[in-house]
Structures are given as C-alpha cells and as structure tokens.
Amino acid sequence: MKRKNILKFVSLLGIGSFVMLAAASCTSATTPTPNPELKPTPKPEPKPEPMPNPPSGGMNGGDTNPSNGQGMNNAAQQLTAAKTALTTLINGETANLALYEDYAKIKNELTAAYETAKAVSAETGATLNEVNEAKSSLDATIKKAASAKNDFDSKNQSLITAYNALKATVNMETQTLEPLSADKYSGIRNSLTSLYDAAKAIIKKTLDPIDGAALVVGNVIMANSNITTATDSAKLSKEKENADMFGDGFVKQALNSQHLTADTTVTQGDTQAVPQQQPGNYSFVGYSVDVTSGSNGMMLPNWNFAQRKIRLNSNGGRTTPVTEAEKNSTPLTDVSWIYSLTSGGAKKYTFSFDYYGPSMSYLYFPYKLVKTGDSEKVGLQYTLNGNKNPVVITFGSGENDSGPAPTVADINVAKVKLSNLTLGINTIEFSVPEDKVAPMIGNMYLTSNPENQNKVYDAIFGNISSSTADSTTVTVDLLIRLQSCS
C-alpha cells in the first residue's frame, strides 16, 4: 500500500519534478560516481614512425625535392659561394687597374666591367644566375685587357720606350725646380714649368688615348728633349748667373754709335756710314748750358753722338788724345750721350741684351734737355722685341711718369718698367714720336729688382761707397761725375 502511494506520487510529479525537488532539498550538489560501462577495447589506429632528423650529407639519403627545407638550404649555399667568388674577383680591382695607368682605353673598359660587377654584388636580390654571369663577364674582361696590352706593347716598342723616358724626366720636376724658387729665377722656373706641363699633357693622354689621335713617337721624343736640353747643368748654371747679375745688381749697356740710326752720318771706310759725332778735339760730352748756338749766334754742328775722350796734357799746355784706340776711354770711362734723335721712322737707337730674369725688369738711363726751347715738345718712346705699338715714355711729376721734366741744367734719371721680357736676347728700340724732340739720353742700366736703384744711381753719377763698423765713406769718380760739366 505504501509502495503504491509512492509510485502514484511519482507519477503525478513526473520524473523531472522529482529531480528538481531532490536538488532543491540538498545544500550542495554531489556528483555521483557512475558505475563504469564495460565496453570492448578498440584497436589502435596505425601511425607512421616519427620523422628522423634531416641527413647531413648525401650518404644518409634525404628528400631531394627543392620545395622542402633541404633544397632551399642547398640553393642558398650555392648563391653564397658564387657571391664570394665574385667579391674575390672585385677585390683585385685596384691592383689590376694599376697595370693599365698608361692605357686609357683599356682601363676605361675594365673599369666599366668592375662597376657592373660591383652593382650585381651589392644587389641583395640578385639570383645565382645573375651573380655567375657577372663573375664570368668580369673575368673575361680582365683576360681581354691583359691580351690587349700585350698586343699593343708588341706593336709599339719605340713609342713605349720614348714614353717611359718622358715619364722618368717628368718625375724629376720637383728636384729640378726647387733650386729656382727665388724671385730672380722666376723666368727660368716658369719656362721650365711650361715644358714640364707640355710633357705632362702628353702623359695624361696615355699610350692608348680614349679619344683623339694616338701619340706620335716624334712628339714624345721632342717633349723629352726640350726638357733635358733646358735643364742641362752647364746651361742652367749659366742662366742662373745671368739672373743673379740682374737680380742682385744691374747690367750696364754703354751707348754704341754703331747702334744709332740717324739722319746725319759720315762715311767711315769705303761703305760704312756712321752717325755724326763730336770733333776729335772735344773731350766733354755733357753741358749745363744751351750749346746749340755759339757766342755769335751761329748754330753749332748737329752732333748725333758723343763719348767722353781722355786726352793727355803735353808740353805747351795743349792736350792730345790717347793714340791707341783700345786704350782711349777704355776702361777709364765709357760715358756717352745721344744728342740728336729726331722724329721719323728711320731715326732710332737700338740695343740688345741677354736676359734670364723675371718677365718684368727696370731700365734706368740719365737724360737732360739739349736746349731750353725744346722743353714743351719733349718726347721719347720705345718698342720691345719688335712690338708694333710703341710705348711712350713720359716725363713730369705724375705717378706714372718715368722721371721729372728734363732741363738743360740738370741730369735726371729715368726709370722705365719693361714688361713681357723673354728668356735670351731682348731688343729695345728708342725713337721719337711725330713732331717731338728727344732729350739727350745716356748709358742704359738694367735690373730685375727695383731695390737695386741706389746701386744704379751710384754707377751713373760715379759714387763709390765703402762702409766700416763706424762710418760710411763715399768717393766720386770724376771721369763719370764731370759728364755734366762743360
């Protein structure tokens, strides 16, 4: 009865309600342990054996499929090896190019090949094929360059010999020019420098020029000969001595009547016409008064040239000239003046001098007025080395004037700056501008250093200085000093 009531109650509530009611009546949920269900043990599924580690070499076998890790590693190794070989070839660039310094065309092609190879080597994404091609191309160009050089050398032995001799000469440039560093040697130094520059221009073209005509053996030999001739020790020593004379002192050019072309001449010998000179019994050559007219107003002879003559005092108070021509005024005195140098193309005085100093030098000469009436029309000009445009010599108080305005009573000294002198013989020609009258002019003095001016003045006026620790003594050479006395 009791069992029936329980079943009836369960049926009314339902199984779900009963479960819920049971859960609500408990303070904590418990998980019942079900009885294990007995099932048959299943058979395990077959599994592949574990993959072994990748083999380290071909002896162990392995998968050769390029899509797997083994294939990728092998390709990387090949690329690395190819790049290493290319880099090794590129690293020889400097030493290899040095072999072709004198072969511009070969060197140019080889340089381009190196640049192409270096571009491939630097490309991170370069393929194995690209690297191998770059190496092969560079290697072929290197071999081609060596072959081209050997072929050129075998066909141009005389040119190579001359070229190497020229290079050896040019290599001595610094050693040759160092002793010529002083300003007084600048003319020699500049001349040699121009020869070296011409030689270096030939060497710069190289034996095998990229553009332009190939070198001519004769031109190479001549360039070398020009330098070796100019730097000959004996020749160079002589030129330096000349430069020393002009740089440390001065060179005197005494006037010579043979160098004067004038409108008043006399016949000497059978054919030679020389400028009219003063009478033989005149021993003075300079004046402090107007000498173009005598006391009676008569005009004196038109003398072109005068030189001081030394005469001996004989019995009776008369003087006689020294009879031996080679002793007459030489070396006692060479004071000379050009009196008359009138305007016109044929009237001129010309002299030449050997010179190895700087391109600029200074010419000094004494001058004075012949007569007071000429003071407003004084003019003098010169040309250097045949230049067609004469340079006018001006006198006055201006900064660019060569000296004070000439007077009859005074002897002044002109200073003329000579530009563009050449090494060797230089020629100066004095003339007079149209409608002008030249002053009297005396001996010429040349120096390359304006600081030698006092030495020039002493020579012109016969001053001889001697110095000691306590004093300086000046003596006067009267044969020179009296040139301005009548």
Protein backbone atom coordinates (compact mmCIF):
# COMPACT_ATOMS: atom_id res chain seq x y z
CA MET A 1 0.00 0.00 0.00
CA LYS A 2 2.73 2.18 0.91
CA ARG A 3 4.61 1.32 -2.29
CA LYS A 4 1.57 2.15 -4.39
CA ASN A 5 1.27 5.58 -2.84
CA ILE A 6 4.88 6.31 -3.66
CA LEU A 7 4.51 5.28 -7.25
CA LYS A 8 1.34 7.33 -7.51
CA PHE A 9 3.10 10.35 -6.18
CA VAL A 10 6.00 9.90 -8.60
CA SER A 11 3.68 9.59 -11.47
CA LEU A 12 1.89 12.79 -10.55
CA LEU A 13 5.02 14.87 -10.23
CA GLY A 14 6.85 13.41 -13.12
CA ILE A 15 10.39 12.45 -13.20
CA GLY A 16 11.62 15.98 -13.92
CA SER A 17 9.83 17.46 -10.94
CA PHE A 18 11.19 14.79 -8.75
CA VAL A 19 14.75 15.55 -9.85
CA MET A 20 14.25 19.27 -9.27
CA LEU A 21 12.74 18.64 -5.88
CA ALA A 22 15.60 16.45 -4.92
CA ALA A 23 18.15 19.07 -5.99
CA ALA A 24 16.42 21.82 -4.06
CA SER A 25 16.36 19.78 -0.90
CA CYS A 26 20.18 19.43 -0.84
CA THR A 27 22.59 22.09 0.46
CA SER A 28 25.34 21.16 -2.04
CA ALA A 29 25.43 19.28 -5.22
CA THR A 30 27.24 15.99 -5.29
CA THR A 31 28.37 14.18 -8.34
CA PRO A 32 27.61 10.59 -8.15
CA THR A 33 30.23 8.22 -9.49
CA PRO A 34 28.63 6.15 -12.16
CA ASN A 35 29.48 2.59 -12.47
CA PRO A 36 31.91 2.08 -15.36
CA GLU A 37 30.40 0.80 -18.52
CA LEU A 38 32.10 -2.23 -19.80
CA LYS A 39 32.95 -1.78 -23.46
CA PRO A 40 35.31 -3.72 -25.66
CA THR A 41 38.84 -2.24 -26.02
CA PRO A 42 39.17 -0.63 -29.50
CA LYS A 43 42.13 -1.47 -31.71
CA PRO A 44 44.62 1.44 -32.04
CA GLU A 45 44.91 3.14 -35.46
CA PRO A 46 48.27 2.62 -37.17
CA LYS A 47 50.54 5.71 -37.07
CA PRO A 48 53.68 6.47 -39.16
CA GLU A 49 57.01 6.26 -37.48
CA PRO A 50 58.49 9.62 -36.31
CA MET A 51 60.49 11.60 -38.96
CA PRO A 52 64.21 11.30 -38.38
CA ASN A 53 66.49 14.43 -38.29
CA PRO A 54 67.49 15.74 -41.75
CA PRO A 55 70.54 13.97 -43.05
CA SER A 56 73.78 15.94 -43.04
CA GLY A 57 75.02 14.64 -46.30
CA GLY A 58 74.20 12.72 -49.36
CA MET A 59 75.36 9.48 -47.78
CA ASN A 60 72.35 9.49 -45.47
CA GLY A 61 69.90 9.94 -48.24
CA GLY A 62 67.13 12.53 -47.87
CA ASP A 63 64.42 14.23 -49.85
CA THR A 64 65.73 15.98 -52.98
CA ASN A 65 62.51 17.84 -53.57
CA PRO A 66 63.52 21.59 -53.94
CA SER A 67 60.33 22.68 -52.30
CA ASN A 68 61.35 21.34 -48.92
CA GLY A 69 63.98 22.73 -46.44
CA GLN A 70 66.81 20.60 -47.73
CA GLY A 71 66.59 22.02 -51.27
CA MET A 72 66.34 25.60 -50.08
CA ASN A 73 69.47 25.27 -47.94
CA ASN A 74 71.47 23.89 -50.86
CA ALA A 75 70.49 26.80 -53.17
CA ALA A 76 71.50 29.35 -50.54
CA GLN A 77 74.87 27.71 -50.20
CA GLN A 78 75.42 27.91 -53.95
CA LEU A 79 74.46 31.61 -54.04
CA THR A 80 76.77 32.40 -51.14
CA ALA A 81 79.65 30.61 -52.82
CA ALA A 82 79.03 32.47 -56.09
CA LYS A 83 78.94 35.85 -54.34
CA THR A 84 82.16 35.06 -52.51
CA ALA A 85 83.90 34.23 -55.77
CA LEU A 86 82.61 37.48 -57.33
CA THR A 87 83.75 39.52 -54.33
CA THR A 88 87.22 37.98 -54.50
CA LEU A 89 87.48 38.98 -58.15
CA ILE A 90 86.27 42.51 -57.41
CA ASN A 91 88.77 42.93 -54.58
CA GLY A 92 91.61 42.81 -57.09
CA GLU A 93 90.37 45.96 -58.84
CA THR A 94 92.95 48.45 -57.54
CA ALA A 95 95.95 46.30 -58.28
CA ASN A 96 94.60 45.27 -61.66
CA LEU A 97 93.71 48.76 -62.84
CA ALA A 98 97.17 49.99 -61.86
CA LEU A 99 98.57 47.80 -64.63
CA TYR A 100 96.77 49.95 -67.20
CA GLU A 101 97.52 53.50 -65.98
CA ASP A 102 99.19 54.22 -69.32
CA TYR A 103 96.46 52.57 -71.40
CA ALA A 104 93.39 54.77 -71.03
CA LYS A 105 91.14 52.92 -73.45
CA ILE A 106 91.83 49.50 -71.91
CA LYS A 107 91.49 50.87 -68.39
CA ASN A 108 88.20 52.56 -69.25
CA GLU A 109 86.64 49.30 -70.46
CA LEU A 110 87.96 47.38 -67.46
CA THR A 111 86.68 50.00 -65.02
CA ALA A 112 83.20 49.76 -66.54
CA ALA A 113 83.26 45.97 -66.10
CA TYR A 114 84.22 46.32 -62.44
CA GLU A 115 81.40 48.80 -61.83
CA THR A 116 78.86 46.45 -63.38
CA ALA A 117 80.10 43.54 -61.27
CA LYS A 118 80.01 45.64 -58.08
CA ALA A 119 76.42 46.64 -58.79
CA VAL A 120 75.38 42.97 -59.02
CA SER A 121 77.37 42.08 -55.89
CA ALA A 122 75.62 44.82 -53.92
CA GLU A 123 72.13 43.73 -55.07
CA THR A 124 70.53 41.77 -52.22
CA GLY A 125 68.01 40.14 -54.53
CA ALA A 126 70.50 39.01 -57.15
CA THR A 127 69.92 35.46 -58.33
CA LEU A 128 72.53 32.75 -58.60
CA ASN A 129 72.43 33.05 -62.38
CA GLU A 130 72.97 36.84 -62.28
CA VAL A 131 75.92 36.53 -59.91
CA ASN A 132 77.54 33.81 -62.01
CA GLU A 133 77.06 35.85 -65.19
CA ALA A 134 78.61 38.95 -63.55
CA LYS A 135 81.63 36.94 -62.45
CA SER A 136 82.09 35.34 -65.85
CA SER A 137 81.78 38.70 -67.64
CA LEU A 138 84.31 40.41 -65.35
CA ASP A 139 86.74 37.53 -65.62
CA ALA A 140 86.53 37.64 -69.41
CA THR A 141 87.13 41.42 -69.48
CA ILE A 142 90.19 41.07 -67.23
CA LYS A 143 91.67 38.48 -69.59
CA LYS A 144 90.80 40.63 -72.62
CA ALA A 145 92.58 43.64 -71.08
CA ALA A 146 95.76 41.66 -70.49
CA SER A 147 95.71 40.40 -74.04
CA ALA A 148 95.09 43.89 -75.49
CA LYS A 149 98.01 45.35 -73.51
CA ASN A 150 100.40 42.64 -74.66
CA ASP A 151 99.32 43.13 -78.24
CA PHE A 152 99.78 46.94 -78.04
CA ASP A 153 103.21 46.62 -76.47
CA SER A 154 104.46 44.23 -79.11
CA LYS A 155 103.44 46.64 -81.89
CA ASN A 156 104.68 49.92 -80.32
CA GLN A 157 108.05 49.27 -78.73
CA SER A 158 109.62 52.57 -79.86
CA LEU A 159 106.67 54.58 -78.55
CA ILE A 160 106.76 52.81 -75.20
CA THR A 161 110.50 53.44 -74.85
CA ALA A 162 110.10 57.16 -75.59
CA TYR A 163 107.05 57.41 -73.35
CA ASN A 164 108.78 55.79 -70.38
CA ALA A 165 111.79 58.07 -70.85
CA LEU A 166 109.49 61.10 -70.80
CA LYS A 167 107.83 59.89 -67.60
CA ALA A 168 111.22 59.48 -65.95
CA THR A 169 112.17 63.03 -66.93
CA VAL A 170 108.90 64.47 -65.60
CA ASN A 171 109.43 62.67 -62.31
CA MET A 172 112.49 64.89 -61.78
CA GLU A 173 110.45 68.11 -61.97
CA THR A 174 110.35 68.90 -58.25
CA GLN A 175 114.04 68.19 -57.79
CA THR A 176 114.90 70.41 -60.75
CA LEU A 177 112.70 73.37 -59.83
CA GLU A 178 113.45 73.54 -56.10
CA PRO A 179 116.76 75.45 -56.55
CA LEU A 180 114.90 78.01 -58.69
CA SER A 181 112.40 79.15 -56.07
CA ALA A 182 113.85 82.69 -55.68
CA ASP A 183 112.03 85.52 -57.49
CA LYS A 184 115.10 86.36 -59.55
CA TYR A 185 114.90 82.88 -61.12
CA SER A 186 111.18 83.07 -61.87
CA GLY A 187 111.77 83.48 -65.60
CA ILE A 188 113.82 80.29 -65.77
CA ARG A 189 111.41 78.47 -63.47
CA ASN A 190 108.34 79.49 -65.48
CA SER A 191 109.98 78.47 -68.73
CA LEU A 192 110.83 75.02 -67.38
CA THR A 193 107.37 74.66 -65.85
CA SER A 194 105.78 75.23 -69.25
CA LEU A 195 107.96 72.47 -70.71
CA TYR A 196 107.01 70.09 -67.91
CA ASP A 197 103.33 70.95 -68.37
CA ALA A 198 103.55 70.15 -72.07
CA ALA A 199 105.14 66.80 -71.24
CA LYS A 200 102.53 66.02 -68.60
CA ALA A 201 99.78 66.74 -71.12
CA ILE A 202 101.24 64.01 -73.33
CA ILE A 203 101.48 61.58 -70.43
CA LYS A 204 97.90 62.36 -69.41
CA LYS A 205 96.69 61.17 -72.83
CA THR A 206 98.44 57.84 -72.15
CA LEU A 207 99.77 55.42 -74.75
CA ASP A 208 96.27 54.40 -75.78
CA PRO A 209 94.02 57.51 -75.57
CA ILE A 210 90.26 57.12 -75.17
CA ASP A 211 89.56 59.87 -77.69
CA GLY A 212 91.68 61.76 -80.16
CA ALA A 213 94.74 60.85 -82.17
CA ALA A 214 97.23 58.33 -80.89
CA LEU A 215 100.58 59.55 -79.62
CA VAL A 216 103.28 60.27 -82.19
CA VAL A 217 106.72 58.95 -81.29
CA GLY A 218 108.44 62.07 -82.61
CA ASN A 219 106.35 64.39 -80.44
CA VAL A 220 107.11 62.36 -77.34
CA ILE A 221 110.84 62.38 -78.07
CA MET A 222 110.79 66.14 -78.73
CA ALA A 223 108.97 66.89 -75.45
CA ASN A 224 111.59 64.94 -73.56
CA SER A 225 114.46 66.55 -75.47
CA ASN A 226 113.13 70.05 -74.77
CA ILE A 227 113.28 69.42 -71.04
CA THR A 228 116.64 67.65 -70.96
CA THR A 229 118.21 70.39 -73.08
CA ALA A 230 116.77 73.20 -70.95
CA THR A 231 117.86 71.52 -67.72
CA ASP A 232 121.41 70.74 -68.82
CA SER A 233 123.55 71.58 -65.80
CA ALA A 234 126.01 73.80 -67.68
CA LYS A 235 123.26 75.70 -69.48
CA LEU A 236 121.18 76.11 -66.34
CA SER A 237 124.19 77.33 -64.36
CA LYS A 238 124.95 79.98 -66.97
CA GLU A 239 121.35 81.19 -66.96
CA LYS A 240 121.31 81.41 -63.17
CA GLU A 241 124.48 83.50 -63.23
CA ASN A 242 122.78 85.88 -65.64
CA ALA A 243 119.71 86.08 -63.41
CA ASP A 244 121.98 86.77 -60.43
CA MET A 245 123.53 89.77 -62.21
CA PHE A 246 120.14 91.34 -62.89
CA GLY A 247 118.64 90.33 -59.56
CA ASP A 248 121.48 91.19 -57.19
CA GLY A 249 122.77 94.23 -59.06
CA PHE A 250 122.46 95.61 -62.57
CA VAL A 251 123.81 95.24 -66.08
CA LYS A 252 125.17 98.28 -67.86
CA GLN A 253 124.66 98.83 -71.57
CA ALA A 254 127.03 101.58 -72.69
CA LEU A 255 125.84 103.50 -75.73
CA ASN A 256 127.38 102.45 -79.01
CA SER A 257 127.34 104.69 -82.07
CA GLN A 258 127.00 101.62 -84.29
CA HIS A 259 123.52 101.07 -82.87
CA LEU A 260 122.32 104.56 -83.75
CA THR A 261 120.44 105.23 -86.97
CA ALA A 262 120.38 108.98 -87.61
CA ASP A 263 119.82 111.45 -90.39
CA THR A 264 123.31 112.96 -90.06
CA THR A 265 126.04 110.47 -90.94
CA VAL A 266 129.60 110.40 -92.18
CA THR A 267 131.30 107.76 -94.28
CA GLN A 268 133.76 105.57 -92.44
CA GLY A 269 135.92 103.43 -94.68
CA ASP A 270 134.57 102.50 -98.08
CA THR A 271 130.91 101.87 -97.39
CA GLN A 272 130.06 102.19 -93.72
CA ALA A 273 128.08 105.28 -92.70
CA VAL A 274 128.09 106.15 -89.01
CA PRO A 275 126.27 108.91 -87.09
CA GLN A 276 127.90 112.33 -86.94
CA GLN A 277 130.00 112.54 -83.77
CA GLN A 278 131.70 115.40 -81.96
CA PRO A 279 135.03 116.66 -83.29
CA GLY A 280 138.06 114.77 -82.09
CA ASN A 281 139.36 117.68 -80.04
CA TYR A 282 136.22 117.75 -77.89
CA SER A 283 136.55 115.74 -74.71
CA PHE A 284 133.36 116.81 -72.98
CA VAL A 285 130.03 115.22 -73.72
CA GLY A 286 127.52 116.91 -71.42
CA TYR A 287 126.54 120.51 -70.84
CA SER A 288 124.86 122.60 -68.18
CA VAL A 289 124.04 125.39 -70.65
CA ASP A 290 122.36 125.62 -74.03
CA VAL A 291 125.02 124.57 -76.55
CA THR A 292 123.13 124.73 -79.81
CA SER A 293 124.37 128.22 -80.63
CA GLY A 294 127.70 129.93 -80.27
CA SER A 295 128.50 133.32 -78.84
CA ASN A 296 127.89 134.88 -82.22
CA GLY A 297 124.51 133.24 -82.56
CA MET A 298 125.69 130.76 -85.16
CA MET A 299 124.31 127.23 -84.90
CA LEU A 300 126.83 124.58 -83.89
CA PRO A 301 127.20 121.31 -85.84
CA ASN A 302 124.43 118.77 -85.46
CA TRP A 303 126.12 116.01 -83.48
CA ASN A 304 124.22 112.78 -83.03
CA PHE A 305 126.53 111.01 -80.63
CA ALA A 306 129.31 111.90 -78.20
CA GLN A 307 131.57 109.89 -75.93
CA ARG A 308 134.00 111.18 -73.32
CA LYS A 309 137.55 111.14 -74.67
CA ILE A 310 140.58 111.06 -72.42
CA ARG A 311 143.33 113.44 -73.51
CA LEU A 312 146.86 113.79 -72.23
CA ASN A 313 148.41 117.12 -71.22
CA SER A 314 151.51 117.77 -73.29
CA ASN A 315 154.14 120.46 -73.21
CA GLY A 316 152.88 123.91 -74.00
CA GLY A 317 149.53 123.39 -72.33
CA ARG A 318 147.98 121.60 -75.28
CA THR A 319 146.29 118.24 -74.90
CA THR A 320 146.48 115.30 -77.20
CA PRO A 321 144.22 112.23 -77.33
CA VAL A 322 145.43 108.81 -76.35
CA THR A 323 146.77 107.37 -79.59
CA GLU A 324 145.94 103.69 -79.05
CA ALA A 325 142.29 103.27 -79.81
CA GLU A 326 141.89 100.33 -77.44
CA LYS A 327 143.15 102.48 -74.55
CA ASN A 328 141.20 105.61 -75.41
CA SER A 329 138.48 105.87 -72.77
CA THR A 330 138.54 102.14 -72.12
CA PRO A 331 138.30 101.18 -69.34
CA LEU A 332 138.81 104.67 -67.91
CA THR A 333 135.33 105.84 -68.91
CA ASP A 334 132.51 104.98 -71.28
CA VAL A 335 130.26 107.95 -70.57
CA SER A 336 128.27 108.59 -73.75
CA TRP A 337 125.26 110.61 -74.87
CA ILE A 338 122.88 110.59 -77.79
CA TYR A 339 122.41 114.25 -78.70
CA SER A 340 120.09 114.22 -81.64
CA LEU A 341 117.29 111.72 -82.06
CA THR A 342 114.64 113.44 -84.14
CA SER A 343 111.20 112.20 -85.09
CA GLY A 344 110.82 109.98 -88.09
CA GLY A 345 110.80 106.27 -88.81
CA ALA A 346 114.49 106.00 -89.70
CA LYS A 347 115.85 107.76 -86.61
CA LYS A 348 116.30 105.33 -83.76
CA TYR A 349 118.68 103.83 -81.27
CA THR A 350 118.61 100.06 -80.80
CA PHE A 351 120.37 97.78 -78.35
CA SER A 352 120.01 94.16 -77.26
CA PHE A 353 120.84 92.29 -74.08
CA ASP A 354 120.93 88.67 -72.94
CA TYR A 355 118.46 88.12 -70.12
CA TYR A 356 117.26 85.20 -67.95
CA GLY A 357 115.47 87.04 -65.17
CA PRO A 358 111.76 87.57 -64.40
CA SER A 359 109.40 88.71 -67.15
CA MET A 360 109.47 92.25 -65.69
CA SER A 361 112.60 94.35 -65.39
CA TYR A 362 113.55 98.01 -64.97
CA LEU A 363 115.52 100.23 -67.32
CA TYR A 364 117.36 103.30 -66.00
CA PHE A 365 119.14 105.97 -68.03
CA PRO A 366 120.27 109.57 -67.48
CA TYR A 367 118.66 112.30 -69.56
CA LYS A 368 118.70 116.09 -69.93
CA LEU A 369 117.42 118.76 -72.25
CA VAL A 370 119.54 119.86 -75.22
CA LYS A 371 118.17 123.38 -75.35
CA THR A 372 115.57 125.31 -73.40
CA GLY A 373 113.40 125.88 -76.44
CA ASP A 374 112.63 122.15 -76.66
CA SER A 375 111.08 121.92 -73.19
CA GLU A 376 107.49 121.99 -74.48
CA LYS A 377 107.91 119.35 -77.15
CA VAL A 378 109.98 116.64 -75.50
CA GLY A 379 109.03 113.13 -76.49
CA LEU A 380 110.53 109.64 -76.38
CA GLN A 381 109.16 106.16 -77.00
CA TYR A 382 110.38 102.59 -77.28
CA THR A 383 109.38 99.19 -78.58
CA LEU A 384 110.36 95.84 -77.11
CA ASN A 385 111.21 92.82 -79.23
CA GLY A 386 109.69 94.18 -82.41
CA ASN A 387 106.31 95.12 -80.97
CA LYS A 388 104.47 97.30 -83.49
CA ASN A 389 102.92 99.53 -80.82
CA PRO A 390 105.48 101.90 -79.26
CA VAL A 391 105.32 102.67 -75.54
CA VAL A 392 105.55 106.40 -74.81
CA ILE A 393 107.97 107.46 -72.05
CA THR A 394 106.50 110.43 -70.21
CA PHE A 395 108.32 112.98 -68.06
CA GLY A 396 106.76 115.03 -65.29
CA SER A 397 105.58 114.84 -61.70
CA GLY A 398 102.85 112.24 -62.21
CA GLU A 399 102.90 108.85 -60.52
CA ASN A 400 103.28 107.03 -63.83
CA ASP A 401 105.90 109.36 -65.27
CA SER A 402 109.37 107.95 -65.78
CA GLY A 403 111.11 110.99 -64.32
CA PRO A 404 110.96 114.77 -63.86
CA ALA A 405 110.58 117.10 -66.82
CA PRO A 406 114.01 117.46 -68.44
CA THR A 407 116.01 120.66 -68.10
CA VAL A 408 119.27 121.91 -69.56
CA ALA A 409 120.93 122.39 -66.18
CA ASP A 410 120.13 119.05 -64.57
CA ILE A 411 120.78 115.41 -65.25
CA ASN A 412 117.85 113.28 -64.16
CA VAL A 413 117.46 109.52 -64.25
CA ALA A 414 114.53 107.86 -65.98
CA LYS A 415 113.02 104.64 -64.68
CA VAL A 416 111.12 102.59 -67.26
CA LYS A 417 109.27 99.40 -66.39
CA LEU A 418 109.81 96.71 -69.04
CA SER A 419 107.14 94.02 -69.25
CA ASN A 420 106.98 90.70 -71.08
CA LEU A 421 110.71 90.17 -71.38
CA THR A 422 111.69 86.82 -72.85
CA LEU A 423 114.49 84.47 -71.90
CA GLY A 424 117.51 85.04 -74.08
CA ILE A 425 118.03 88.04 -76.34
CA ASN A 426 115.74 91.06 -75.86
CA THR A 427 115.87 94.12 -78.11
CA ILE A 428 114.82 97.66 -77.24
CA GLU A 429 114.42 100.34 -79.90
CA PHE A 430 114.17 104.04 -78.98
CA SER A 431 112.51 106.51 -81.32
CA VAL A 432 110.75 109.86 -81.16
CA PRO A 433 107.01 110.48 -81.68
CA GLU A 434 105.99 112.67 -84.58
CA ASP A 435 106.66 116.40 -84.07
CA LYS A 436 108.57 115.73 -80.83
CA VAL A 437 112.19 116.19 -79.81
CA ALA A 438 114.06 113.64 -77.73
CA PRO A 439 116.11 114.70 -74.73
CA MET A 440 119.77 113.76 -74.57
CA ILE A 441 119.97 110.22 -73.23
CA GLY A 442 122.94 108.43 -71.69
CA ASN A 443 124.05 104.86 -70.95
CA MET A 444 121.45 102.22 -70.13
CA TYR A 445 121.22 100.25 -66.87
CA LEU A 446 119.00 97.21 -66.37
CA THR A 447 117.98 95.40 -63.19
CA SER A 448 115.20 92.96 -62.31
CA ASN A 449 114.98 94.22 -58.72
CA PRO A 450 113.89 97.83 -58.03
CA GLU A 451 115.72 97.66 -54.70
CA ASN A 452 118.95 97.96 -56.70
CA GLN A 453 118.08 101.53 -57.70
CA ASN A 454 120.70 103.09 -55.40
CA LYS A 455 123.38 100.91 -56.97
CA VAL A 456 122.31 102.17 -60.38
CA TYR A 457 122.40 105.81 -59.27
CA ASP A 458 125.88 105.36 -57.80
CA ALA A 459 127.06 103.91 -61.11
CA ILE A 460 125.53 106.74 -63.13
CA PHE A 461 126.99 109.53 -61.00
CA GLY A 462 130.28 107.86 -60.10
CA ASN A 463 129.60 107.42 -56.39
CA ILE A 464 131.69 104.74 -54.72
CA SER A 465 130.61 103.80 -51.20
CA SER A 466 132.63 101.90 -48.63
CA SER A 467 131.36 101.08 -45.15
CA THR A 468 133.01 100.11 -41.89
CA ALA A 469 131.58 99.49 -38.45
CA ASP A 470 131.99 103.17 -37.58
CA SER A 471 131.37 105.09 -40.78
CA THR A 472 130.45 105.12 -44.45
CA THR A 473 132.72 106.81 -46.98
CA VAL A 474 131.62 107.99 -50.42
CA THR A 475 134.17 108.80 -53.10
CA VAL A 476 133.46 110.18 -56.56
CA ASP A 477 134.82 109.04 -59.91
CA LEU A 478 135.40 112.40 -61.63
CA LEU A 479 135.57 110.85 -65.09
CA ILE A 480 131.93 109.97 -64.65
CA ARG A 481 130.82 112.86 -62.44
CA LEU A 482 132.13 115.50 -64.84
CA GLN A 483 129.91 114.30 -67.65
CA SER A 484 127.57 117.21 -66.89
CA CYS A 485 130.29 119.85 -66.91
CA SER A 486 131.42 121.93 -69.87
